[in-house]
Amino acid sequence: MNVRWSKMLECGMLERDRRALRRRSSILIKQLVVDELLIQSLQADDILTESMAESIMAEQTSQKRSWRLLLFLPKRGPRAFSSFCSALRETEQQHLYELLTQSPEKDGKDTPVEIIQPEEEPEGNTGRLVMPTTEKKREVSRVLVIPQPGLLQRCVDYSLPLPTQEEIAAKRARTHADSMEFSLDADSPINSPVLPCTPDFYLSHCHQSYKMNSSPRGLALVISNVTFDPCAAPDLDPRKGGEVDDEVLRKVFTELDYLVTVHRDLTAQGMRSCIENFCRRPDHRTVDSCVVCLLSHGVDGAIYGTDGQLLQLDWVFKSFDNAHCPLLQNKPKIFFIQACRGEEMDCGVEQIDGPARTCSPCCEQLDAGREGQGDAHSRQRGDMGRPRIKLPQRSDMICGFASLKGQRICTAAMRNTKRGSWFIQELNTTLRLQARDTHLADIMVQVNGRIKEREGYAPGTAHHRCKEMSEFTSSLCKDLYLFPKYQPQY
């Protein structure tokens, strides 16, 4: 950076621009979409450094990313405001650009100034919004609709367009409400690089976890059904945004050193054939794991092909079990299912802390002496005196589901037509930021926590304040670390 530009930065932002940011800080923090495109635009203008960009994108929620960015901007020189406004226009946030550049006299009323003030933060805090005392005592209005006939409405709290449920009721009559899609949230998938595992972390954890150092780490299969046959499956609408999900998965697992294959728009039989061929691939022998991602409309226990026929998930899991896929025995098999498991929408309940979790003691019986008796195939030549080690039919699997299956309710998964599904967004973010030192089961717990905090926004519809809850099942027998970007030196 040259001396002249350095001195300009020392001068900070012009006071009129600083006041404009303060005046609109409440709206910006709630509505601003801080995605990679906006950050790259500010970096290209030398407004943000690489370390600043990383610290912004490392924040876990959209509002925290906005807080962090607005803490930096006033200190980044007189060009920071105009560069920020240009970035808003480039990222299709024209309404925020207009709010910032509108003169105070045109507001029609006095607007309370809400100050964003950087200060010494306690450990673990990522930035703080400092507001006048009177502002703390009142609740800021959550809805500010800017009416533009024929255009998508934008709201203060959540501004991205067109998410929809992935729910499908089998062969039901379609109404006007069924075809509507609503804006539910403003979070966007991040594409910051996957953070690398350190050599020290690998060496201290590799002996107690699954072997995970082959290159590639494994093969990954992504099947994404986006467009459905209107004749064979008239009740299955296109999964707008599904193409975003499969591209997000392709990128993140490629960075995690998987060899990724993506197939789109397969019939149920096409999915079966694709999975059978994937299971038979001989290169499973030389890699340490595999990943399978299935994205489609679904019901409890099955997902739809583009022809409206169902593929049973139990068949999918069976195809990878120890009997049907011996090359993956004792290796972790990772599944992600982005589909509904029913047509019920989770409307949420008032929060009440639940009871402490309980654990029941395990009980194991050893039936000594029975293994190998009467089994002519259980002995190998040259080792007739010892029975072979047996494996359960199905083990070493972990599966993340976008929606919840309960005893009485199966819930719908939520998807944004421009940002992709909630579940894949959060999975992508958590893998990129946490895989370097967190095992996969804990990553899925974190994904659950992030999904739990999300809430739909679609006033006047059944989708307003809707919730989603993801879950995962596991038969893993060790910790599963992906050890991203680490290759042992032999």
Protein backbone atom coordinates (compact mmCIF):
# COMPACT_ATOMS: atom_id res chain seq x y z
CA MET A 1 0.00 0.00 0.00
CA ASN A 2 1.54 3.39 -0.95
CA VAL A 3 2.16 6.21 1.53
CA ARG A 4 -0.54 8.47 0.06
CA TRP A 5 -3.28 5.82 0.40
CA SER A 6 -2.06 4.96 3.88
CA LYS A 7 -2.48 8.59 4.96
CA MET A 8 -5.97 8.68 3.45
CA LEU A 9 -6.94 5.66 5.51
CA GLU A 10 -5.68 7.35 8.64
CA CYS A 11 -8.14 10.17 8.00
CA GLY A 12 -11.04 7.75 8.16
CA MET A 13 -14.45 8.09 6.54
CA LEU A 14 -15.97 11.49 5.87
CA GLU A 15 -18.28 12.60 8.66
CA ARG A 16 -21.38 12.86 6.43
CA ASP A 17 -20.81 9.28 5.24
CA ARG A 18 -20.18 8.05 8.77
CA ARG A 19 -23.47 9.63 9.85
CA ALA A 20 -25.31 7.95 6.97
CA LEU A 21 -24.04 4.56 8.13
CA ARG A 22 -25.03 5.32 11.72
CA ARG A 23 -28.47 6.51 10.68
CA ARG A 24 -29.19 3.27 8.82
CA SER A 25 -27.23 0.87 11.01
CA SER A 26 -30.31 -0.91 12.41
CA ILE A 27 -31.66 -1.66 8.94
CA LEU A 28 -28.24 -2.60 7.58
CA ILE A 29 -27.52 -5.05 10.36
CA LYS A 30 -30.86 -6.78 9.91
CA GLN A 31 -31.06 -6.75 6.13
CA LEU A 32 -27.58 -6.52 4.64
CA VAL A 33 -26.46 -9.69 2.86
CA VAL A 34 -22.72 -10.01 3.38
CA ASP A 35 -21.71 -12.65 0.88
CA GLU A 36 -18.49 -13.40 -0.95
CA LEU A 37 -19.37 -11.20 -3.93
CA LEU A 38 -19.78 -8.12 -1.72
CA ILE A 39 -16.58 -8.85 0.19
CA GLN A 40 -14.62 -9.40 -3.04
CA SER A 41 -15.86 -6.08 -4.38
CA LEU A 42 -14.58 -4.27 -1.28
CA GLN A 43 -11.28 -6.13 -1.45
CA ALA A 44 -10.85 -5.17 -5.11
CA ASP A 45 -11.14 -1.51 -4.08
CA ASP A 46 -8.56 -2.01 -1.30
CA ILE A 47 -11.17 -1.24 1.33
CA LEU A 48 -10.81 -4.58 3.11
CA THR A 49 -7.66 -6.55 3.69
CA GLU A 50 -7.51 -10.33 3.39
CA SER A 51 -7.51 -10.77 7.17
CA MET A 52 -10.52 -8.47 7.52
CA ALA A 53 -12.42 -10.43 4.87
CA GLU A 54 -11.65 -13.71 6.64
CA SER A 55 -12.76 -12.39 10.02
CA ILE A 56 -16.05 -11.18 8.54
CA MET A 57 -16.86 -14.42 6.75
CA ALA A 58 -15.90 -16.48 9.80
CA GLU A 59 -18.88 -15.06 11.71
CA GLN A 60 -21.64 -17.66 12.03
CA THR A 61 -24.72 -15.58 11.21
CA SER A 62 -25.69 -12.96 8.66
CA GLN A 63 -26.23 -10.30 11.33
CA LYS A 64 -22.84 -10.91 12.93
CA ARG A 65 -21.17 -10.62 9.50
CA SER A 66 -22.96 -7.30 9.04
CA TRP A 67 -21.83 -6.11 12.49
CA ARG A 68 -18.23 -6.97 11.73
CA LEU A 69 -18.25 -5.24 8.33
CA LEU A 70 -19.84 -2.08 9.76
CA LEU A 71 -17.19 -1.99 12.47
CA PHE A 72 -14.46 -1.91 9.82
CA LEU A 73 -15.89 0.51 7.25
CA PRO A 74 -15.65 3.84 9.15
CA LYS A 75 -11.92 3.29 9.63
CA ARG A 76 -11.11 2.46 5.99
CA GLY A 77 -10.72 5.91 4.48
CA PRO A 78 -12.87 8.42 2.57
CA ARG A 79 -13.48 6.03 -0.34
CA ALA A 80 -14.96 3.30 1.86
CA PHE A 81 -18.52 4.66 1.76
CA SER A 82 -18.71 5.05 -2.03
CA SER A 83 -17.09 1.65 -2.52
CA PHE A 84 -19.62 0.08 -0.14
CA CYS A 85 -22.50 1.71 -2.03
CA SER A 86 -21.14 0.40 -5.33
CA ALA A 87 -20.86 -3.08 -3.83
CA LEU A 88 -24.50 -2.89 -2.74
CA ARG A 89 -25.57 -2.19 -6.31
CA GLU A 90 -23.37 -4.97 -7.69
CA THR A 91 -24.95 -7.48 -5.29
CA GLU A 92 -28.53 -6.41 -6.14
CA GLN A 93 -29.16 -4.64 -2.83
CA GLN A 94 -30.40 -1.49 -4.53
CA HIS A 95 -32.88 -0.71 -1.77
CA LEU A 96 -30.05 -0.42 0.78
CA TYR A 97 -28.06 1.76 -1.61
CA GLU A 98 -31.03 4.09 -1.91
CA LEU A 99 -31.51 4.23 1.86
CA LEU A 100 -27.85 5.16 2.40
CA THR A 101 -27.72 7.81 -0.31
CA GLN A 102 -31.08 9.38 0.55
CA SER A 103 -30.68 12.76 2.24
CA PRO A 104 -32.01 13.02 5.83
CA GLU A 105 -34.48 15.70 4.74
CA LYS A 106 -36.27 13.19 2.51
CA ASP A 107 -36.84 10.70 5.31
CA GLY A 108 -40.10 12.36 6.27
CA LYS A 109 -39.29 12.05 9.99
CA ASP A 110 -36.37 12.17 12.36
CA THR A 111 -34.45 8.92 12.40
CA PRO A 112 -32.75 7.89 15.66
CA VAL A 113 -29.00 7.63 15.22
CA GLU A 114 -27.76 4.17 16.16
CA ILE A 115 -24.04 4.06 16.65
CA ILE A 116 -21.78 1.18 15.82
CA GLN A 117 -18.76 1.60 18.03
CA PRO A 118 -15.71 -0.67 18.05
CA GLU A 119 -14.35 -1.30 21.52
CA GLU A 120 -12.35 -3.78 23.53
CA GLU A 121 -14.23 -7.05 23.40
CA PRO A 122 -14.30 -9.88 25.92
CA GLU A 123 -12.86 -13.12 24.64
CA GLY A 124 -15.36 -14.87 22.40
CA ASN A 125 -17.24 -11.70 21.40
CA THR A 126 -17.16 -10.81 17.73
CA GLY A 127 -18.37 -7.22 17.77
CA ARG A 128 -21.02 -5.23 19.56
CA LEU A 129 -23.79 -2.96 18.45
CA VAL A 130 -23.95 0.01 20.82
CA MET A 131 -27.35 1.72 20.73
CA PRO A 132 -28.94 4.54 22.70
CA THR A 133 -30.70 3.44 25.89
CA THR A 134 -34.10 4.38 24.52
CA GLU A 135 -33.47 2.19 21.50
CA LYS A 136 -32.66 -0.80 23.69
CA LYS A 137 -35.99 -0.49 25.45
CA ARG A 138 -38.13 -0.65 22.37
CA GLU A 139 -38.48 -3.38 19.82
CA VAL A 140 -37.40 -2.37 16.33
CA SER A 141 -40.10 -2.98 13.76
CA ARG A 142 -39.41 -6.27 11.99
CA VAL A 143 -41.21 -5.46 8.75
CA LEU A 144 -40.43 -2.71 6.29
CA VAL A 145 -41.89 -3.54 2.89
CA ILE A 146 -40.86 -1.40 -0.04
CA PRO A 147 -43.76 -1.81 -2.46
CA GLN A 148 -42.81 -2.03 -6.12
CA PRO A 149 -45.59 -3.48 -8.27
CA GLY A 150 -44.43 -6.46 -10.27
CA LEU A 151 -41.18 -6.82 -8.34
CA LEU A 152 -40.18 -8.98 -5.39
CA GLN A 153 -40.91 -7.25 -2.07
CA ARG A 154 -37.97 -6.77 0.29
CA CYS A 155 -38.25 -6.74 4.08
CA VAL A 156 -36.04 -5.39 6.82
CA ASP A 157 -35.36 -8.67 8.55
CA TYR A 158 -34.94 -11.08 5.69
CA SER A 159 -34.46 -9.93 2.15
CA LEU A 160 -33.50 -12.77 -0.14
CA PRO A 161 -36.17 -13.95 -2.56
CA LEU A 162 -38.06 -17.09 -3.06
CA PRO A 163 -37.45 -19.95 -0.63
CA THR A 164 -39.97 -22.72 -0.57
CA GLN A 165 -40.83 -25.87 1.31
CA GLU A 166 -39.64 -29.11 -0.19
CA GLU A 167 -42.88 -30.68 0.90
CA ILE A 168 -45.04 -32.71 -1.46
CA ALA A 169 -48.40 -34.21 -0.64
CA ALA A 170 -48.90 -37.20 -2.85
CA LYS A 171 -51.39 -36.56 -5.65
CA ARG A 172 -53.18 -33.67 -3.98
CA ALA A 173 -54.97 -30.89 -5.82
CA ARG A 174 -52.75 -27.86 -6.36
CA THR A 175 -54.00 -24.50 -5.13
CA HIS A 176 -52.69 -20.99 -5.70
CA ALA A 177 -50.91 -21.12 -2.33
CA ASP A 178 -49.10 -24.32 -3.30
CA SER A 179 -47.26 -22.62 -6.14
CA MET A 180 -46.20 -19.56 -4.15
CA GLU A 181 -42.65 -19.24 -2.88
CA PHE A 182 -41.62 -16.96 -0.07
CA SER A 183 -38.61 -15.07 1.18
CA LEU A 184 -37.52 -16.78 4.38
CA ASP A 185 -34.02 -15.63 5.29
CA ALA A 186 -31.00 -13.57 4.40
CA ASP A 187 -28.18 -16.01 5.13
CA SER A 188 -26.14 -17.09 2.14
CA PRO A 189 -23.69 -19.95 1.58
CA ILE A 190 -20.12 -18.89 2.06
CA ASN A 191 -17.26 -19.90 -0.19
CA SER A 192 -14.31 -18.96 1.99
CA PRO A 193 -11.62 -21.64 1.68
CA VAL A 194 -11.83 -24.76 3.81
CA LEU A 195 -9.59 -24.11 6.78
CA PRO A 196 -6.64 -26.56 6.87
CA CYS A 197 -5.86 -29.06 9.57
CA THR A 198 -2.52 -28.48 11.28
CA PRO A 199 0.16 -31.19 11.44
CA ASP A 200 0.08 -31.09 15.25
CA PHE A 201 -3.68 -31.69 15.32
CA TYR A 202 -3.39 -34.60 12.88
CA LEU A 203 -0.61 -36.27 14.86
CA SER A 204 -2.49 -35.91 18.16
CA HIS A 205 -5.80 -37.33 16.83
CA CYS A 206 -5.06 -39.74 13.98
CA HIS A 207 -4.48 -42.80 16.19
CA GLN A 208 -7.86 -42.60 17.95
CA SER A 209 -9.94 -41.88 14.83
CA TYR A 210 -10.76 -43.43 11.47
CA LYS A 211 -7.84 -43.59 9.07
CA MET A 212 -8.30 -40.59 6.83
CA ASN A 213 -5.16 -39.73 4.90
CA SER A 214 -5.65 -41.19 1.42
CA SER A 215 -5.62 -38.80 -1.50
CA PRO A 216 -8.31 -38.49 -2.57
CA ARG A 217 -9.97 -39.03 0.81
CA GLY A 218 -12.70 -40.90 -1.00
CA LEU A 219 -15.27 -40.85 -3.77
CA ALA A 220 -18.32 -38.60 -3.49
CA LEU A 221 -21.60 -39.01 -5.34
CA VAL A 222 -24.14 -36.18 -5.59
CA ILE A 223 -27.58 -36.87 -7.11
CA SER A 224 -29.67 -33.72 -7.45
CA ASN A 225 -33.18 -33.80 -8.89
CA VAL A 226 -34.24 -30.28 -9.84
CA THR A 227 -36.69 -30.63 -12.73
CA PHE A 228 -39.43 -33.26 -12.71
CA ASP A 229 -41.39 -34.79 -15.60
CA PRO A 230 -44.62 -32.73 -15.81
CA CYS A 231 -46.49 -35.70 -17.30
CA ALA A 232 -45.24 -38.48 -15.03
CA ALA A 233 -45.00 -36.31 -11.89
CA PRO A 234 -47.41 -33.36 -12.26
CA ASP A 235 -47.50 -32.72 -8.49
CA LEU A 236 -43.71 -32.34 -8.16
CA ASP A 237 -42.73 -28.73 -8.78
CA PRO A 238 -39.20 -27.81 -9.92
CA ARG A 239 -36.82 -27.52 -6.98
CA LYS A 240 -35.65 -23.99 -7.73
CA GLY A 241 -32.35 -23.49 -5.95
CA GLY A 242 -31.50 -27.20 -6.04
CA GLU A 243 -28.77 -26.51 -8.59
CA VAL A 244 -27.18 -24.16 -6.04
CA ASP A 245 -27.05 -26.98 -3.50
CA ASP A 246 -25.32 -29.48 -5.74
CA GLU A 247 -22.73 -26.90 -6.80
CA VAL A 248 -22.08 -25.97 -3.15
CA LEU A 249 -21.59 -29.66 -2.30
CA ARG A 250 -19.33 -30.22 -5.30
CA LYS A 251 -17.09 -27.33 -4.29
CA VAL A 252 -16.81 -28.09 -0.59
CA PHE A 253 -16.12 -31.82 -1.00
CA THR A 254 -13.63 -31.15 -3.79
CA GLU A 255 -11.78 -28.86 -1.36
CA LEU A 256 -11.98 -31.63 1.24
CA ASP A 257 -10.10 -33.81 -1.29
CA TYR A 258 -12.95 -36.00 -2.51
CA LEU A 259 -13.35 -37.05 -6.12
CA VAL A 260 -16.87 -35.73 -6.74
CA THR A 261 -19.35 -36.89 -9.38
CA VAL A 262 -22.62 -34.96 -9.82
CA HIS A 263 -25.71 -36.39 -11.56
CA ARG A 264 -28.81 -34.30 -12.05
CA ASP A 265 -32.43 -35.17 -12.84
CA LEU A 266 -32.52 -38.96 -12.65
CA THR A 267 -35.56 -41.22 -12.56
CA ALA A 268 -35.93 -43.58 -9.63
CA GLN A 269 -34.45 -46.38 -11.73
CA GLY A 270 -31.70 -44.05 -12.91
CA MET A 271 -30.80 -43.32 -9.30
CA ARG A 272 -30.70 -47.05 -8.51
CA SER A 273 -28.39 -47.74 -11.45
CA CYS A 274 -26.16 -44.79 -10.57
CA ILE A 275 -25.80 -45.91 -6.94
CA GLU A 276 -25.18 -49.55 -7.93
CA ASN A 277 -22.41 -48.48 -10.31
CA PHE A 278 -20.91 -46.21 -7.65
CA CYS A 279 -20.86 -49.04 -5.09
CA ARG A 280 -19.02 -51.31 -7.52
CA ARG A 281 -16.22 -48.88 -8.32
CA PRO A 282 -12.90 -50.66 -7.66
CA ASP A 283 -11.17 -47.48 -6.46
CA HIS A 284 -13.10 -47.72 -3.17
CA ARG A 285 -10.37 -50.21 -2.24
CA THR A 286 -7.62 -47.57 -2.13
CA VAL A 287 -9.49 -44.68 -0.45
CA ASP A 288 -10.52 -44.17 3.17
CA SER A 289 -14.20 -43.16 2.95
CA CYS A 290 -17.11 -42.27 0.70
CA VAL A 291 -19.80 -39.57 0.57
CA VAL A 292 -23.31 -39.83 -0.91
CA CYS A 293 -25.60 -36.78 -1.19
CA LEU A 294 -29.21 -37.18 -2.34
CA LEU A 295 -31.26 -34.05 -3.07
CA SER A 296 -34.86 -34.28 -4.20
CA HIS A 297 -38.47 -34.10 -3.10
CA GLY A 298 -39.21 -36.78 -0.57
CA VAL A 299 -41.46 -38.52 1.91
CA ASP A 300 -40.70 -40.49 5.05
CA GLY A 301 -38.11 -43.11 4.12
CA ALA A 302 -37.89 -42.37 0.39
CA ILE A 303 -37.01 -39.75 -2.21
CA TYR A 304 -38.59 -39.06 -5.59
CA GLY A 305 -37.08 -39.64 -9.00
CA THR A 306 -37.94 -37.22 -11.77
CA ASP A 307 -40.58 -39.69 -12.95
CA GLY A 308 -42.50 -39.44 -9.67
CA GLN A 309 -41.42 -42.92 -8.52
CA LEU A 310 -39.86 -43.41 -5.10
CA LEU A 311 -36.42 -44.72 -4.21
CA GLN A 312 -36.36 -46.24 -0.73
CA LEU A 313 -33.56 -44.91 1.47
CA ASP A 314 -33.20 -48.22 3.26
CA TRP A 315 -32.20 -49.75 -0.09
CA VAL A 316 -29.57 -47.02 -0.47
CA PHE A 317 -28.05 -47.73 2.95
CA LYS A 318 -28.19 -51.48 2.29
CA SER A 319 -26.21 -50.98 -0.92
CA PHE A 320 -23.29 -49.66 1.14
CA ASP A 321 -23.43 -52.14 4.00
CA ASN A 322 -20.66 -54.61 4.84
CA ALA A 323 -22.22 -57.39 2.79
CA HIS A 324 -23.02 -55.48 -0.40
CA CYS A 325 -20.02 -53.13 -0.52
CA PRO A 326 -17.08 -55.09 0.94
CA LEU A 327 -14.48 -52.63 -0.37
CA LEU A 328 -15.80 -50.09 2.14
CA GLN A 329 -15.84 -52.40 5.16
CA ASN A 330 -14.56 -50.64 8.29
CA LYS A 331 -14.44 -47.34 6.39
CA PRO A 332 -16.77 -44.44 7.15
CA LYS A 333 -19.71 -44.00 4.79
CA ILE A 334 -21.18 -40.47 4.91
CA PHE A 335 -24.70 -39.64 3.69
CA PHE A 336 -26.58 -36.34 3.41
CA ILE A 337 -30.27 -36.34 2.50
CA GLN A 338 -31.78 -33.01 1.44
CA ALA A 339 -35.46 -33.87 1.14
CA CYS A 340 -38.69 -33.71 3.06
CA ARG A 341 -39.72 -36.62 5.23
CA GLY A 342 -43.37 -35.62 5.25
CA GLU A 343 -45.63 -32.69 4.50
CA GLU A 344 -46.08 -31.23 7.98
CA MET A 345 -44.63 -27.76 8.48
CA ASP A 346 -42.96 -27.01 11.81
CA CYS A 347 -44.59 -23.84 13.15
CA GLY A 348 -42.45 -23.81 16.29
CA VAL A 349 -43.45 -23.61 19.95
CA GLU A 350 -42.70 -21.27 22.84
CA GLN A 351 -39.23 -22.07 24.20
CA ILE A 352 -39.05 -24.06 27.44
CA ASP A 353 -35.79 -25.62 28.58
CA GLY A 354 -36.10 -29.39 28.48
CA PRO A 355 -35.00 -31.91 31.10
CA ALA A 356 -31.45 -33.10 31.28
CA ARG A 357 -30.58 -35.79 28.81
CA THR A 358 -30.42 -39.28 30.25
CA CYS A 359 -28.42 -42.27 29.17
CA SER A 360 -29.42 -45.85 29.72
CA PRO A 361 -26.66 -48.36 30.49
CA CYS A 362 -25.67 -50.62 27.66
CA CYS A 363 -25.90 -54.38 27.98
CA GLU A 364 -23.87 -56.77 25.91
CA GLN A 365 -23.97 -60.55 25.79
CA LEU A 366 -21.12 -62.63 24.47
CA ASP A 367 -22.12 -65.98 23.12
CA ALA A 368 -18.70 -67.59 23.32
CA GLY A 369 -17.98 -70.62 21.21
CA ARG A 370 -20.80 -70.19 18.71
CA GLU A 371 -18.95 -68.20 16.08
CA GLY A 372 -17.97 -70.42 13.22
CA GLN A 373 -19.81 -73.54 14.37
CA GLY A 374 -21.38 -75.35 11.47
CA ASP A 375 -20.28 -72.65 9.02
CA ALA A 376 -18.14 -74.17 6.32
CA HIS A 377 -17.55 -70.77 4.72
CA SER A 378 -16.34 -69.10 7.89
CA ARG A 379 -12.79 -70.45 7.71
CA GLN A 380 -10.00 -69.54 5.35
CA ARG A 381 -7.47 -71.98 3.95
CA GLY A 382 -4.46 -72.16 6.26
CA ASP A 383 -6.42 -70.71 9.19
CA MET A 384 -8.87 -73.54 9.94
CA GLY A 385 -8.34 -73.28 13.67
CA ARG A 386 -9.69 -69.73 14.08
CA PRO A 387 -13.03 -68.26 13.04
CA ARG A 388 -12.96 -65.12 10.89
CA ILE A 389 -13.84 -61.82 12.50
CA LYS A 390 -17.45 -60.94 11.80
CA LEU A 391 -18.94 -57.52 11.19
CA PRO A 392 -22.47 -56.35 11.74
CA GLN A 393 -24.51 -56.18 8.56
CA ARG A 394 -24.44 -52.38 8.70
CA SER A 395 -21.87 -50.21 10.51
CA ASP A 396 -19.56 -47.20 10.17
CA MET A 397 -22.26 -44.97 8.68
CA ILE A 398 -23.39 -41.44 9.47
CA CYS A 399 -26.36 -39.77 7.79
CA GLY A 400 -27.51 -36.16 8.05
CA PHE A 401 -31.16 -35.43 7.28
CA ALA A 402 -32.43 -31.96 6.41
CA SER A 403 -35.68 -32.54 8.27
CA LEU A 404 -36.88 -34.34 11.32
CA LYS A 405 -38.61 -37.67 11.64
CA GLY A 406 -40.59 -38.12 14.83
CA GLN A 407 -43.14 -40.55 16.16
CA ARG A 408 -46.05 -38.35 15.18
CA ILE A 409 -44.71 -35.82 12.73
CA CYS A 410 -42.43 -35.77 9.72
CA THR A 411 -41.38 -32.30 8.75
CA ALA A 412 -40.66 -30.36 5.60
CA ALA A 413 -37.26 -29.00 4.60
CA MET A 414 -36.85 -25.36 3.61
CA ARG A 415 -35.07 -24.10 0.50
CA ASN A 416 -34.23 -20.68 -0.88
CA THR A 417 -34.41 -20.48 -4.67
CA LYS A 418 -31.28 -18.33 -4.95
CA ARG A 419 -29.23 -19.45 -1.95
CA GLY A 420 -30.16 -23.12 -1.78
CA SER A 421 -31.52 -25.09 1.14
CA TRP A 422 -31.04 -24.19 4.78
CA PHE A 423 -29.46 -27.56 5.57
CA ILE A 424 -26.89 -27.50 2.75
CA GLN A 425 -26.03 -23.87 3.50
CA GLU A 426 -25.28 -24.64 7.13
CA LEU A 427 -23.47 -27.88 6.32
CA ASN A 428 -21.27 -26.03 3.84
CA THR A 429 -20.48 -23.24 6.29
CA THR A 430 -19.70 -25.56 9.19
CA LEU A 431 -17.51 -27.90 7.15
CA ARG A 432 -15.49 -25.00 5.79
CA LEU A 433 -14.90 -23.41 9.17
CA GLN A 434 -14.82 -26.35 11.59
CA ALA A 435 -13.64 -29.50 9.78
CA ARG A 436 -9.99 -28.70 10.52
CA ASP A 437 -10.36 -29.66 14.20
CA THR A 438 -13.89 -31.05 14.72
CA HIS A 439 -15.08 -34.59 14.10
CA LEU A 440 -18.08 -35.09 11.86
CA ALA A 441 -20.60 -36.03 14.56
CA ASP A 442 -19.87 -32.75 16.37
CA ILE A 443 -20.09 -30.89 13.06
CA MET A 444 -23.59 -32.31 12.61
CA VAL A 445 -24.50 -31.18 16.14
CA GLN A 446 -23.38 -27.69 15.17
CA VAL A 447 -25.43 -27.85 11.96
CA ASN A 448 -28.46 -28.82 14.05
CA GLY A 449 -27.85 -25.82 16.30
CA ARG A 450 -27.61 -23.43 13.37
CA ILE A 451 -30.78 -24.83 11.77
CA LYS A 452 -32.60 -24.54 15.10
CA GLU A 453 -31.94 -20.78 15.15
CA ARG A 454 -33.32 -20.12 11.66
CA GLU A 455 -36.82 -18.87 11.14
CA GLY A 456 -38.97 -18.27 8.08
CA TYR A 457 -40.21 -14.84 7.17
CA ALA A 458 -43.32 -14.63 4.98
CA PRO A 459 -45.98 -12.40 6.56
CA GLY A 460 -49.57 -13.34 5.82
CA THR A 461 -48.75 -16.95 4.89
CA ALA A 462 -48.50 -20.27 6.66
CA HIS A 463 -44.72 -20.07 6.16
CA HIS A 464 -44.32 -17.04 8.45
CA ARG A 465 -42.00 -17.87 11.37
CA CYS A 466 -41.82 -21.48 10.21
CA LYS A 467 -39.02 -23.60 11.63
CA GLU A 468 -36.94 -26.55 10.49
CA MET A 469 -34.99 -29.11 12.46
CA SER A 470 -32.31 -31.31 10.99
CA GLU A 471 -31.05 -34.52 12.55
CA PHE A 472 -28.44 -37.20 12.00
CA THR A 473 -28.05 -40.89 12.73
CA SER A 474 -24.74 -42.61 13.29
CA SER A 475 -23.24 -46.06 13.55
CA LEU A 476 -19.70 -44.68 13.54
CA CYS A 477 -17.37 -46.53 15.87
CA LYS A 478 -14.62 -43.91 16.11
CA ASP A 479 -14.27 -40.19 15.75
CA LEU A 480 -14.34 -39.18 12.09
CA TYR A 481 -12.00 -36.29 11.31
CA LEU A 482 -11.64 -35.22 7.68
CA PHE A 483 -8.18 -33.69 8.32
CA PRO A 484 -8.62 -31.18 5.45
CA LYS A 485 -5.58 -30.34 3.33
CA TYR A 486 -3.22 -32.46 5.41
CA GLN A 487 -1.09 -35.14 3.81
CA PRO A 488 1.24 -37.17 6.04
CA GLN A 489 4.89 -37.27 5.09
CA TYR A 490 6.17 -40.81 4.80
